[in-house]
Amino acid sequence: MADPPKIAILLQQVAMAVNAHDRENPDHNSWGIGMAHFDIERLGLDEGEELIPGIVLQADGGQTGQFRILCDGQHDQGEVEEEEEVLDAVAEQELAEPLQAPGPAPRIRPPF
């Protein structure tokens, strides 16, 4: 198991995140915390373990070092997905002529 101070900080952060989620989304029911499997093992915790009352730990394949609040609501409801326009980074044809200096290039003499 990880150091008790690390677990205490994790539990504090989880409780704050669940409270913030529930405050911002009163119609959603939080039921778990999603974490990378690597982080669960590193902290010496078990998947399905209840971290705080009613909140279980779930390995969800997310990024390491982060956790997510798992709930029964849809957070992207009503959002319209924007269609991205794909552009070529290199033009197929040249639009301008190369820049040419008027007359011959000046001679460069090294300083003495």
C-alpha atoms as a PDB file:
ATOM      1  CA  MET A   1       0.000   0.000   0.000  1.00  0.00           C
ATOM      2  CA  ALA A   2       1.151   3.551  -0.726  1.00  0.00           C
ATOM      3  CA  ASP A   3       2.112   5.985   2.002  1.00  0.00           C
ATOM      4  CA  PRO A   4      -0.839   6.999   4.197  1.00  0.00           C
ATOM      5  CA  PRO A   5      -0.341  10.716   3.373  1.00  0.00           C
ATOM      6  CA  LYS A   6      -0.685   9.927  -0.368  1.00  0.00           C
ATOM      7  CA  ILE A   7      -3.892   7.957   0.224  1.00  0.00           C
ATOM      8  CA  ALA A   8      -5.250  10.741   2.463  1.00  0.00           C
ATOM      9  CA  ILE A   9      -4.582  13.342  -0.265  1.00  0.00           C
ATOM     10  CA  LEU A  10      -6.209  11.080  -2.876  1.00  0.00           C
ATOM     11  CA  LEU A  11      -9.318  10.592  -0.733  1.00  0.00           C
ATOM     12  CA  GLN A  12      -9.532  14.326  -0.102  1.00  0.00           C
ATOM     13  CA  GLN A  13      -9.256  15.090  -3.838  1.00  0.00           C
ATOM     14  CA  VAL A  14     -11.824  12.409  -4.695  1.00  0.00           C
ATOM     15  CA  ALA A  15     -14.295  13.758  -2.134  1.00  0.00           C
ATOM     16  CA  MET A  16     -13.836  17.325  -3.419  1.00  0.00           C
ATOM     17  CA  ALA A  17     -14.281  16.206  -7.053  1.00  0.00           C
ATOM     18  CA  VAL A  18     -17.423  14.177  -6.294  1.00  0.00           C
ATOM     19  CA  ASN A  19     -18.916  17.090  -4.332  1.00  0.00           C
ATOM     20  CA  ALA A  20     -18.124  19.533  -7.167  1.00  0.00           C
ATOM     21  CA  HIS A  21     -19.593  17.167  -9.761  1.00  0.00           C
ATOM     22  CA  ASP A  22     -22.761  16.633  -7.759  1.00  0.00           C
ATOM     23  CA  ARG A  23     -23.142  20.371  -7.161  1.00  0.00           C
ATOM     24  CA  GLU A  24     -22.742  21.184 -10.879  1.00  0.00           C
ATOM     25  CA  ASN A  25     -24.866  18.251 -12.090  1.00  0.00           C
ATOM     26  CA  PRO A  26     -27.678  17.714  -9.573  1.00  0.00           C
ATOM     27  CA  ASP A  27     -29.584  15.350 -11.889  1.00  0.00           C
ATOM     28  CA  HIS A  28     -26.619  12.897 -12.227  1.00  0.00           C
ATOM     29  CA  ASN A  29     -25.773  10.208  -9.685  1.00  0.00           C
ATOM     30  CA  SER A  30     -22.046   9.700  -9.073  1.00  0.00           C
ATOM     31  CA  TRP A  31     -21.184   6.085  -8.483  1.00  0.00           C
ATOM     32  CA  GLY A  32     -17.455   5.715  -9.008  1.00  0.00           C
ATOM     33  CA  ILE A  33     -13.980   6.960  -9.724  1.00  0.00           C
ATOM     34  CA  GLY A  34     -12.236   5.939 -12.946  1.00  0.00           C
ATOM     35  CA  MET A  35      -8.458   5.535 -12.823  1.00  0.00           C
ATOM     36  CA  ALA A  36      -5.744   3.987 -14.930  1.00  0.00           C
ATOM     37  CA  HIS A  37      -5.015   0.379 -13.920  1.00  0.00           C
ATOM     38  CA  PHE A  38      -1.353   1.323 -13.390  1.00  0.00           C
ATOM     39  CA  ASP A  39      -2.305   3.966 -10.798  1.00  0.00           C
ATOM     40  CA  ILE A  40      -4.601   1.575  -8.950  1.00  0.00           C
ATOM     41  CA  GLU A  41      -1.781  -0.956  -8.612  1.00  0.00           C
ATOM     42  CA  ARG A  42       0.798   1.710  -7.741  1.00  0.00           C
ATOM     43  CA  LEU A  43      -1.367   2.982  -4.890  1.00  0.00           C
ATOM     44  CA  GLY A  44      -1.980  -0.558  -3.624  1.00  0.00           C
ATOM     45  CA  LEU A  45      -5.725  -0.316  -4.131  1.00  0.00           C
ATOM     46  CA  ASP A  46      -8.113  -2.862  -5.647  1.00  0.00           C
ATOM     47  CA  GLU A  47     -10.614  -2.379  -8.428  1.00  0.00           C
ATOM     48  CA  GLY A  48     -14.124  -2.312  -6.973  1.00  0.00           C
ATOM     49  CA  GLU A  49     -12.867  -1.007  -3.636  1.00  0.00           C
ATOM     50  CA  GLU A  50     -15.137   1.591  -2.045  1.00  0.00           C
ATOM     51  CA  LEU A  51     -13.117   4.779  -1.558  1.00  0.00           C
ATOM     52  CA  ILE A  52     -15.819   6.851   0.073  1.00  0.00           C
ATOM     53  CA  PRO A  53     -19.379   5.711   0.862  1.00  0.00           C
ATOM     54  CA  GLY A  54     -21.157   4.882  -2.405  1.00  0.00           C
ATOM     55  CA  ILE A  55     -18.116   5.609  -4.629  1.00  0.00           C
ATOM     56  CA  VAL A  56     -16.208   2.600  -5.984  1.00  0.00           C
ATOM     57  CA  LEU A  57     -12.866   2.500  -7.771  1.00  0.00           C
ATOM     58  CA  GLN A  58     -12.982   1.404 -11.417  1.00  0.00           C
ATOM     59  CA  ALA A  59     -10.102   0.825 -13.855  1.00  0.00           C
ATOM     60  CA  ASP A  60     -11.144   2.597 -17.049  1.00  0.00           C
ATOM     61  CA  GLY A  61      -7.961   2.835 -19.102  1.00  0.00           C
ATOM     62  CA  GLY A  62      -7.610   6.592 -18.798  1.00  0.00           C
ATOM     63  CA  GLN A  63      -4.378   8.541 -18.556  1.00  0.00           C
ATOM     64  CA  THR A  64      -2.079   7.823 -15.684  1.00  0.00           C
ATOM     65  CA  GLY A  65      -1.981  10.445 -12.935  1.00  0.00           C
ATOM     66  CA  GLN A  66      -5.620  11.444 -13.429  1.00  0.00           C
ATOM     67  CA  PHE A  67      -8.988  10.267 -12.216  1.00  0.00           C
ATOM     68  CA  ARG A  68     -12.499  10.769 -13.524  1.00  0.00           C
ATOM     69  CA  ILE A  69     -15.891  10.937 -11.856  1.00  0.00           C
ATOM     70  CA  LEU A  70     -18.152   8.161 -13.141  1.00  0.00           C
ATOM     71  CA  CYS A  71     -21.872   8.868 -13.131  1.00  0.00           C
ATOM     72  CA  ASP A  72     -25.109   7.807 -14.788  1.00  0.00           C
ATOM     73  CA  GLY A  73     -25.620  11.091 -16.684  1.00  0.00           C
ATOM     74  CA  GLN A  74     -24.702  12.218 -20.171  1.00  0.00           C
ATOM     75  CA  HIS A  75     -22.403  15.238 -20.010  1.00  0.00           C
ATOM     76  CA  ASP A  76     -22.431  16.030 -23.730  1.00  0.00           C
ATOM     77  CA  GLN A  77     -26.201  16.267 -24.161  1.00  0.00           C
ATOM     78  CA  GLY A  78     -27.343  19.052 -26.440  1.00  0.00           C
ATOM     79  CA  GLU A  79     -23.893  19.846 -27.752  1.00  0.00           C
ATOM     80  CA  VAL A  80     -23.625  19.967 -31.516  1.00  0.00           C
ATOM     81  CA  GLU A  81     -20.542  18.344 -32.911  1.00  0.00           C
ATOM     82  CA  GLU A  82     -18.736  20.725 -35.224  1.00  0.00           C
ATOM     83  CA  GLU A  83     -17.546  19.460 -38.562  1.00  0.00           C
ATOM     84  CA  GLU A  84     -13.912  20.271 -39.196  1.00  0.00           C
ATOM     85  CA  GLU A  85     -12.762  21.486 -42.583  1.00  0.00           C
ATOM     86  CA  VAL A  86      -9.723  19.602 -43.831  1.00  0.00           C
ATOM     87  CA  LEU A  87      -7.139  21.694 -45.670  1.00  0.00           C
ATOM     88  CA  ASP A  88      -3.965  20.680 -47.468  1.00  0.00           C
ATOM     89  CA  ALA A  89      -0.849  22.072 -45.801  1.00  0.00           C
ATOM     90  CA  VAL A  90       1.067  22.136 -49.112  1.00  0.00           C
ATOM     91  CA  ALA A  91      -0.386  23.773 -52.191  1.00  0.00           C
ATOM     92  CA  GLU A  92      -0.509  21.798 -55.411  1.00  0.00           C
ATOM     93  CA  GLN A  93       0.499  24.755 -57.542  1.00  0.00           C
ATOM     94  CA  GLU A  94       2.739  27.760 -57.004  1.00  0.00           C
ATOM     95  CA  LEU A  95       0.858  31.058 -56.887  1.00  0.00           C
ATOM     96  CA  ALA A  96       3.763  33.533 -56.951  1.00  0.00           C
ATOM     97  CA  GLU A  97       6.993  33.784 -58.847  1.00  0.00           C
ATOM     98  CA  PRO A  98      10.316  33.498 -57.003  1.00  0.00           C
ATOM     99  CA  LEU A  99      11.746  36.800 -55.756  1.00  0.00           C
ATOM    100  CA  GLN A 100      14.695  38.048 -57.832  1.00  0.00           C
ATOM    101  CA  ALA A 101      17.019  40.863 -56.857  1.00  0.00           C
ATOM    102  CA  PRO A 102      17.550  43.609 -59.464  1.00  0.00           C
ATOM    103  CA  GLY A 103      21.048  43.428 -60.905  1.00  0.00           C
ATOM    104  CA  PRO A 104      24.014  41.296 -59.818  1.00  0.00           C
ATOM    105  CA  ALA A 105      24.667  40.491 -56.153  1.00  0.00           C
ATOM    106  CA  PRO A 106      27.074  42.896 -54.400  1.00  0.00           C
ATOM    107  CA  ARG A 107      30.586  41.680 -53.575  1.00  0.00           C
ATOM    108  CA  ILE A 108      31.215  40.994 -49.924  1.00  0.00           C
ATOM    109  CA  ARG A 109      34.672  41.829 -48.601  1.00  0.00           C
ATOM    110  CA  PRO A 110      35.850  40.483 -45.264  1.00  0.00           C
ATOM    111  CA  PRO A 111      36.889  43.146 -42.694  1.00  0.00           C
ATOM    112  CA  PHE A 112      40.625  43.505 -41.965  1.00  0.00           C
END
